C-alpha atoms as a PDB file:
ATOM      1  CA  MET A   1      95.839 119.546 117.498  1.00  0.00           C
ATOM      2  CA  ALA A   2      94.207 117.989 114.434  1.00  0.00           C
ATOM      3  CA  THR A   3      92.983 119.069 111.086  1.00  0.00           C
ATOM      4  CA  TYR A   4      89.523 118.233 109.935  1.00  0.00           C
ATOM      5  CA  ALA A   5      87.822 118.663 106.610  1.00  0.00           C
ATOM      6  CA  ILE A   6      84.103 118.898 106.442  1.00  0.00           C
ATOM      7  CA  THR A   7      81.780 119.522 103.460  1.00  0.00           C
ATOM      8  CA  LEU A   8      79.322 122.313 104.242  1.00  0.00           C
ATOM      9  CA  ASN A   9      76.490 123.504 102.049  1.00  0.00           C
ATOM     10  CA  GLU A  10      76.842 127.290 102.541  1.00  0.00           C
ATOM     11  CA  ARG A  11      73.483 127.901 100.814  1.00  0.00           C
ATOM     12  CA  THR A  12      71.331 126.356 103.535  1.00  0.00           C
ATOM     13  CA  ALA A  13      70.510 128.139 106.796  1.00  0.00           C
ATOM     14  CA  SER A  14      72.132 125.294 108.842  1.00  0.00           C
ATOM     15  CA  GLY A  15      75.266 125.490 106.836  1.00  0.00           C
ATOM     16  CA  LYS A  16      75.519 129.273 107.181  1.00  0.00           C
ATOM     17  CA  ALA A  17      74.841 128.978 110.902  1.00  0.00           C
ATOM     18  CA  LEU A  18      77.572 126.364 111.355  1.00  0.00           C
ATOM     19  CA  LYS A  19      80.091 128.356 109.482  1.00  0.00           C
ATOM     20  CA  ALA A  20      79.335 131.442 111.525  1.00  0.00           C
ATOM     21  CA  TYR A  21      79.574 129.454 114.732  1.00  0.00           C
ATOM     22  CA  LEU A  22      82.987 128.014 113.797  1.00  0.00           C
ATOM     23  CA  GLN A  23      84.258 131.457 112.836  1.00  0.00           C
ATOM     24  CA  ALA A  24      82.970 132.850 116.180  1.00  0.00           C
ATOM     25  CA  LEU A  25      84.926 130.136 118.027  1.00  0.00           C
ATOM     26  CA  GLY A  26      88.106 131.213 116.208  1.00  0.00           C
ATOM     27  CA  VAL A  27      88.398 128.069 114.048  1.00  0.00           C
ATOM     28  CA  PHE A  28      90.203 128.694 110.787  1.00  0.00           C
ATOM     29  CA  VAL A  29      87.668 128.050 108.067  1.00  0.00           C
ATOM     30  CA  SER A  30      88.821 128.104 104.419  1.00  0.00           C
ATOM     31  CA  LYS A  31      87.075 127.150 101.263  1.00  0.00           C
ATOM     32  CA  VAL A  32      88.779 124.347  99.285  1.00  0.00           C
ATOM     33  CA  THR A  33      88.020 123.682  95.603  1.00  0.00           C
ATOM     34  CA  PRO A  34      87.172 120.175  94.636  1.00  0.00           C
ATOM     35  CA  LYS A  35      90.219 119.877  92.532  1.00  0.00           C
ATOM     36  CA  ALA A  36      92.441 120.617  95.534  1.00  0.00           C
ATOM     37  CA  THR A  37      91.190 117.524  97.402  1.00  0.00           C
ATOM     38  CA  PRO A  38      92.895 114.254  96.697  1.00  0.00           C
ATOM     39  CA  GLU A  39      91.161 111.973  94.200  1.00  0.00           C
ATOM     40  CA  THR A  40      91.953 108.716  95.953  1.00  0.00           C
ATOM     41  CA  ARG A  41      91.331 108.479  99.638  1.00  0.00           C
ATOM     42  CA  ILE A  42      91.544 104.942 101.081  1.00  0.00           C
ATOM     43  CA  TYR A  43      90.758 104.478 104.735  1.00  0.00           C
ATOM     44  CA  ASP A  44      92.635 101.838 106.768  1.00  0.00           C
ATOM     45  CA  PRO A  45      90.481 100.718 109.665  1.00  0.00           C
ATOM     46  CA  GLU A  46      93.429  98.966 111.326  1.00  0.00           C
ATOM     47  CA  THR A  47      95.324 102.146 111.767  1.00  0.00           C
ATOM     48  CA  GLY A  48      92.287 104.520 111.801  1.00  0.00           C
ATOM     49  CA  CYS A  49      93.941 106.691 109.188  1.00  0.00           C
ATOM     50  CA  TYR A  50      93.868 107.332 105.514  1.00  0.00           C
ATOM     51  CA  LEU A  51      96.729 105.864 103.480  1.00  0.00           C
ATOM     52  CA  LYS A  52      99.315 108.304 102.148  1.00  0.00           C
ATOM     53  CA  ASP A  53      99.456 108.908  98.423  1.00  0.00           C
ATOM     54  CA  SER A  54     102.824 107.011  98.061  1.00  0.00           C
ATOM     55  CA  VAL A  55     101.206 103.881  99.611  1.00  0.00           C
ATOM     56  CA  VAL A  56      98.185 104.261  97.269  1.00  0.00           C
ATOM     57  CA  LYS A  57     100.570 104.442  94.299  1.00  0.00           C
ATOM     58  CA  SER A  58     102.421 101.325  95.451  1.00  0.00           C
ATOM     59  CA  ILE A  59      99.206  99.387  95.793  1.00  0.00           C
ATOM     60  CA  GLU A  60      98.000 100.507  92.364  1.00  0.00           C
ATOM     61  CA  GLN A  61     101.352  99.505  90.825  1.00  0.00           C
ATOM     62  CA  ALA A  62     101.106  96.082  92.402  1.00  0.00           C
ATOM     63  CA  HIS A  63      97.582  95.714  91.033  1.00  0.00           C
ATOM     64  CA  GLU A  64      98.832  96.581  87.670  1.00  0.00           C
ATOM     65  CA  ASP A  65     101.648  94.047  87.910  1.00  0.00           C
ATOM     66  CA  MET A  66      99.068  91.271  88.936  1.00  0.00           C
ATOM     67  CA  LYS A  67      96.796  92.174  85.972  1.00  0.00           C
ATOM     68  CA  HIS A  68      99.633  91.943  83.512  1.00  0.00           C
ATOM     69  CA  GLY A  69     101.248  88.816  84.963  1.00  0.00           C
ATOM     70  CA  ARG A  70     104.459  90.407  86.065  1.00  0.00           C
ATOM     71  CA  LEU A  71     104.432  88.502  89.473  1.00  0.00           C
ATOM     72  CA  LYS A  72     105.754  85.132  90.385  1.00  0.00           C
ATOM     73  CA  ALA A  73     104.165  82.719  92.806  1.00  0.00           C
ATOM     74  CA  TYR A  74     106.323  80.385  94.870  1.00  0.00           C
ATOM     75  CA  ASN A  75     105.378  77.386  96.872  1.00  0.00           C
ATOM     76  CA  SER A  76     107.881  78.073  99.614  1.00  0.00           C
ATOM     77  CA  VAL A  77     110.554  80.568 100.670  1.00  0.00           C
ATOM     78  CA  GLU A  78     113.189  78.045  99.735  1.00  0.00           C
ATOM     79  CA  ASP A  79     111.870  78.031  96.161  1.00  0.00           C
ATOM     80  CA  MET A  80     111.991  81.809  95.971  1.00  0.00           C
ATOM     81  CA  PHE A  81     115.592  81.859  97.234  1.00  0.00           C
ATOM     82  CA  LYS A  82     116.592  79.354  94.710  1.00  0.00           C
ATOM     83  CA  ASP A  83     115.006  81.412  91.891  1.00  0.00           C
ATOM     84  CA  LEU A  84     116.756  84.575  93.052  1.00  0.00           C
ATOM     85  CA  GLY A  85     120.097  82.774  93.407  1.00  0.00           C
ATOM     86  CA  ILE A  86     120.279  83.132  97.162  1.00  0.00           C
ATOM     87  CA  ASN A  87     122.001  80.278  98.985  1.00  0.00           C
ATOM     88  CA  VAL A  88     120.663  79.558 102.421  1.00  0.00           C
END
């Protein structure tokens, strides 16, 4: 079973007909306000799903870190280990 969200113009004849058809089939139809829908929806074509809000927040945080220079770049893994004080 899956959940689908569609945008339907209830003021048009085709929108009214589709809503009536879905209700006749027994499909649960509910009206959602625009504020209830998530603002950020990022589609991942590799997985075929939308990213979770926690993943989107992590990506946004990483982007902020990049903009403000809070990231370090290393030439190799060994250099990174040395900087972190890890003896390999």
